Amino acid sequence: MSSNGNYRKLQTEELQRISPEEYKAAEKHPIVIVLDNIRSASNVGSAFRTGDSLRVEAVYLCGITCVPPNKELQKTALGAQLSVPWKHFNETTEALQELKTSGYEIVSVEQAENSTMLQDFRIEKDKKYAFVFGNEVNGVADEVIAQSDVCLEIPQYGTKHSFNVSVTCGIILWEAVKQLRFQ
């Protein structure tokens, strides 16, 4: 595939972005991002930014995960922490209880026995999903996995055993939204 040179980078005003107020009023995808003890404020900010771009319902910040306002979080969120609703929970299991009570399917993104590979995972349009992303070193906590309806795994083919949590968040959420919108 070759380019014929007919490309031009779009200017910001051409992107037709919605305002934070319009975002808050807009219909959301039935997805909540759950961050299970994320150490890096940059990773948290990236989750907010990804959540905003894919119009998720909320970000749940659990345990040691930092909360807005936070200078490092703000550097990567670029203001998304102001548009995407968020809640903090002392324990991730408390967040999962609230989500289950509200009818969400809990999907932990983790390499686990009997996990579902991403290419085999199918979103059901009549369901709501909470995707749990784990700590940069320890992954999703065992007690969180025990409360999950699904463990979802991204196949990997190199020498490393995981992607950065912000990359994982982008891959998983893009696939979920793609399935909701285009299938």
Protein backbone atom coordinates (compact mmCIF):
# COMPACT_ATOMS: atom_id res chain seq x y z
CA MET A 1 0.00 0.00 0.00
CA SER A 2 1.57 3.25 -1.03
CA SER A 3 0.66 6.85 -0.29
CA ASN A 4 -0.17 9.16 -3.12
CA GLY A 5 0.65 12.21 -1.01
CA ASN A 6 -2.99 13.24 -0.46
CA TYR A 7 -2.67 13.48 3.31
CA ARG A 8 -2.78 16.58 5.45
CA LYS A 9 -2.65 16.67 9.22
CA LEU A 10 -5.96 17.96 10.59
CA GLN A 11 -5.99 21.12 12.68
CA THR A 12 -7.44 20.87 16.19
CA GLU A 13 -10.60 22.80 15.25
CA GLU A 14 -11.23 20.33 12.39
CA LEU A 15 -11.43 17.37 14.78
CA GLN A 16 -14.88 18.40 16.06
CA ARG A 17 -14.08 17.47 19.63
CA ILE A 18 -16.85 17.80 22.17
CA SER A 19 -16.47 19.99 25.25
CA PRO A 20 -16.20 18.53 28.77
CA GLU A 21 -19.81 19.65 29.34
CA GLU A 22 -20.96 17.89 26.16
CA TYR A 23 -18.97 14.81 27.21
CA LYS A 24 -20.76 14.69 30.56
CA ALA A 25 -24.15 14.86 28.81
CA ALA A 26 -23.26 12.40 26.01
CA GLU A 27 -24.28 8.76 26.02
CA LYS A 28 -21.43 6.59 27.32
CA HIS A 29 -20.30 3.11 26.45
CA PRO A 30 -21.34 0.75 29.27
CA ILE A 31 -17.78 0.39 30.52
CA VAL A 32 -16.07 1.23 33.82
CA ILE A 33 -12.28 1.18 34.16
CA VAL A 34 -11.16 -0.27 37.52
CA LEU A 35 -7.57 0.44 38.53
CA ASP A 36 -6.38 -2.06 41.16
CA ASN A 37 -3.55 -0.50 43.17
CA ILE A 38 -1.77 1.24 40.30
CA ARG A 39 1.52 2.77 41.48
CA SER A 40 2.23 5.20 38.66
CA ALA A 41 0.26 8.44 38.47
CA SER A 42 1.22 8.58 34.78
CA ASN A 43 -0.53 5.26 34.19
CA VAL A 44 -3.59 6.58 36.03
CA GLY A 45 -3.62 9.72 33.88
CA SER A 46 -3.32 7.59 30.75
CA ALA A 47 -6.33 5.52 31.85
CA PHE A 48 -8.37 8.72 32.23
CA ARG A 49 -7.28 9.92 28.80
CA THR A 50 -8.11 6.57 27.18
CA GLY A 51 -11.43 6.49 29.03
CA ASP A 52 -12.30 9.96 27.78
CA SER A 53 -11.35 9.20 24.18
CA LEU A 54 -13.50 6.05 24.18
CA ARG A 55 -16.31 7.67 26.20
CA VAL A 56 -16.49 5.26 29.13
CA GLU A 57 -18.84 5.76 32.07
CA ALA A 58 -16.26 6.11 34.85
CA VAL A 59 -12.86 5.28 36.30
CA TYR A 60 -12.74 3.56 39.70
CA LEU A 61 -9.50 4.22 41.56
CA CYS A 62 -8.74 1.56 44.17
CA GLY A 63 -6.28 1.16 47.02
CA ILE A 64 -2.99 3.04 46.54
CA THR A 65 -4.05 4.35 43.12
CA CYS A 66 -3.72 8.15 43.21
CA VAL A 67 -6.72 10.41 42.78
CA PRO A 68 -7.15 13.84 41.20
CA PRO A 69 -5.86 16.43 41.68
CA ASN A 70 -2.37 15.08 41.17
CA LYS A 71 0.32 16.83 39.12
CA GLU A 72 1.75 13.64 37.54
CA LEU A 73 -1.73 12.29 36.76
CA GLN A 74 -2.68 15.60 35.14
CA LYS A 75 0.41 15.51 32.87
CA THR A 76 -0.84 12.44 31.04
CA ALA A 77 -4.60 12.91 31.51
CA LEU A 78 -4.50 16.31 29.77
CA GLY A 79 -7.75 17.32 31.48
CA ALA A 80 -9.60 14.00 31.06
CA GLN A 81 -9.78 13.71 34.85
CA LEU A 82 -12.23 16.62 34.67
CA SER A 83 -14.54 15.00 32.10
CA VAL A 84 -14.57 11.34 33.15
CA PRO A 85 -16.39 10.67 36.45
CA TRP A 86 -14.31 8.84 39.04
CA LYS A 87 -14.63 7.29 42.49
CA HIS A 88 -12.06 6.08 44.99
CA PHE A 89 -12.37 2.87 47.01
CA ASN A 90 -10.02 1.76 49.77
CA GLU A 91 -10.29 -1.82 48.52
CA THR A 92 -10.83 -3.02 44.95
CA THR A 93 -13.22 -5.69 46.24
CA GLU A 94 -15.51 -2.89 47.52
CA ALA A 95 -15.62 -1.39 44.01
CA LEU A 96 -16.44 -4.79 42.52
CA GLN A 97 -19.29 -5.30 44.99
CA GLU A 98 -20.83 -1.98 43.94
CA LEU A 99 -20.39 -2.82 40.27
CA LYS A 100 -21.84 -6.32 40.60
CA THR A 101 -24.84 -4.92 42.47
CA SER A 102 -25.32 -2.51 39.55
CA GLY A 103 -25.24 -5.38 37.03
CA TYR A 104 -21.71 -5.10 35.63
CA GLU A 105 -19.77 -8.10 34.39
CA ILE A 106 -16.34 -8.05 36.05
CA VAL A 107 -13.50 -8.68 33.59
CA SER A 108 -10.02 -8.85 35.10
CA VAL A 109 -7.23 -8.40 32.59
CA GLU A 110 -4.70 -10.95 33.78
CA GLN A 111 -2.74 -13.99 32.72
CA ALA A 112 -4.62 -16.67 34.62
CA GLU A 113 -5.51 -20.32 34.38
CA ASN A 114 -8.52 -20.71 32.07
CA SER A 115 -8.34 -17.07 30.93
CA THR A 116 -10.07 -16.03 27.71
CA MET A 117 -7.77 -14.78 24.97
CA LEU A 118 -8.68 -11.33 23.71
CA GLN A 119 -9.37 -12.55 20.17
CA ASP A 120 -11.98 -14.97 21.59
CA PHE A 121 -13.74 -12.45 23.86
CA ARG A 122 -17.15 -11.25 22.70
CA ILE A 123 -18.94 -8.21 24.08
CA GLU A 124 -22.69 -8.60 24.50
CA LYS A 125 -24.45 -5.35 23.66
CA ASP A 126 -27.03 -5.73 26.44
CA LYS A 127 -24.40 -6.06 29.20
CA LYS A 128 -22.31 -3.59 31.18
CA TYR A 129 -18.61 -4.26 31.75
CA ALA A 130 -16.06 -3.34 34.38
CA PHE A 131 -12.50 -3.97 33.19
CA VAL A 132 -9.97 -4.40 36.00
CA PHE A 133 -6.34 -3.46 35.38
CA GLY A 134 -3.77 -4.50 37.97
CA ASN A 135 -0.67 -3.26 39.70
CA GLU A 136 2.41 -2.78 37.52
CA VAL A 137 4.41 -5.42 39.44
CA ASN A 138 1.86 -7.83 40.94
CA GLY A 139 -0.99 -7.62 38.44
CA VAL A 140 -4.61 -8.01 39.50
CA ALA A 141 -4.88 -9.15 43.13
CA ASP A 142 -5.91 -12.78 43.75
CA GLU A 143 -9.00 -11.74 45.75
CA VAL A 144 -10.08 -9.57 42.80
CA ILE A 145 -9.59 -12.43 40.34
CA ALA A 146 -11.74 -14.59 42.63
CA GLN A 147 -14.62 -12.08 42.22
CA SER A 148 -14.25 -11.85 38.43
CA ASP A 149 -16.69 -13.23 35.90
CA VAL A 150 -13.96 -13.44 33.24
CA CYS A 151 -10.17 -13.24 33.14
CA LEU A 152 -9.08 -11.75 29.86
CA GLU A 153 -5.59 -12.16 28.44
CA ILE A 154 -3.77 -10.43 25.59
CA PRO A 155 -1.62 -12.93 23.68
CA GLN A 156 2.05 -11.95 23.65
CA TYR A 157 4.88 -13.39 21.62
CA GLY A 158 8.13 -11.90 22.92
CA THR A 159 10.35 -12.36 25.96
CA LYS A 160 8.34 -10.05 28.24
CA HIS A 161 5.29 -11.30 30.10
CA SER A 162 3.21 -8.13 30.04
CA PHE A 163 2.50 -4.78 28.45
CA ASN A 164 2.58 -1.56 30.44
CA VAL A 165 -0.79 -1.13 32.16
CA SER A 166 -1.60 1.98 30.10
CA VAL A 167 -0.96 0.06 26.86
CA THR A 168 -3.06 -2.85 28.12
CA CYS A 169 -5.87 -0.45 28.97
CA GLY A 170 -5.80 1.00 25.46
CA ILE A 171 -5.77 -2.38 23.74
CA ILE A 172 -8.61 -3.85 25.81
CA LEU A 173 -10.85 -0.80 25.77
CA TRP A 174 -10.43 -0.18 22.05
CA GLU A 175 -11.43 -3.79 21.34
CA ALA A 176 -14.47 -3.53 23.65
CA VAL A 177 -15.67 -0.26 22.12
CA LYS A 178 -14.99 -1.56 18.60
CA GLN A 179 -17.24 -4.53 19.30
CA LEU A 180 -19.96 -2.34 20.82
CA ARG A 181 -19.97 0.09 17.90
CA PHE A 182 -19.14 -1.95 14.82
CA GLN A 183 -20.32 -5.52 15.30
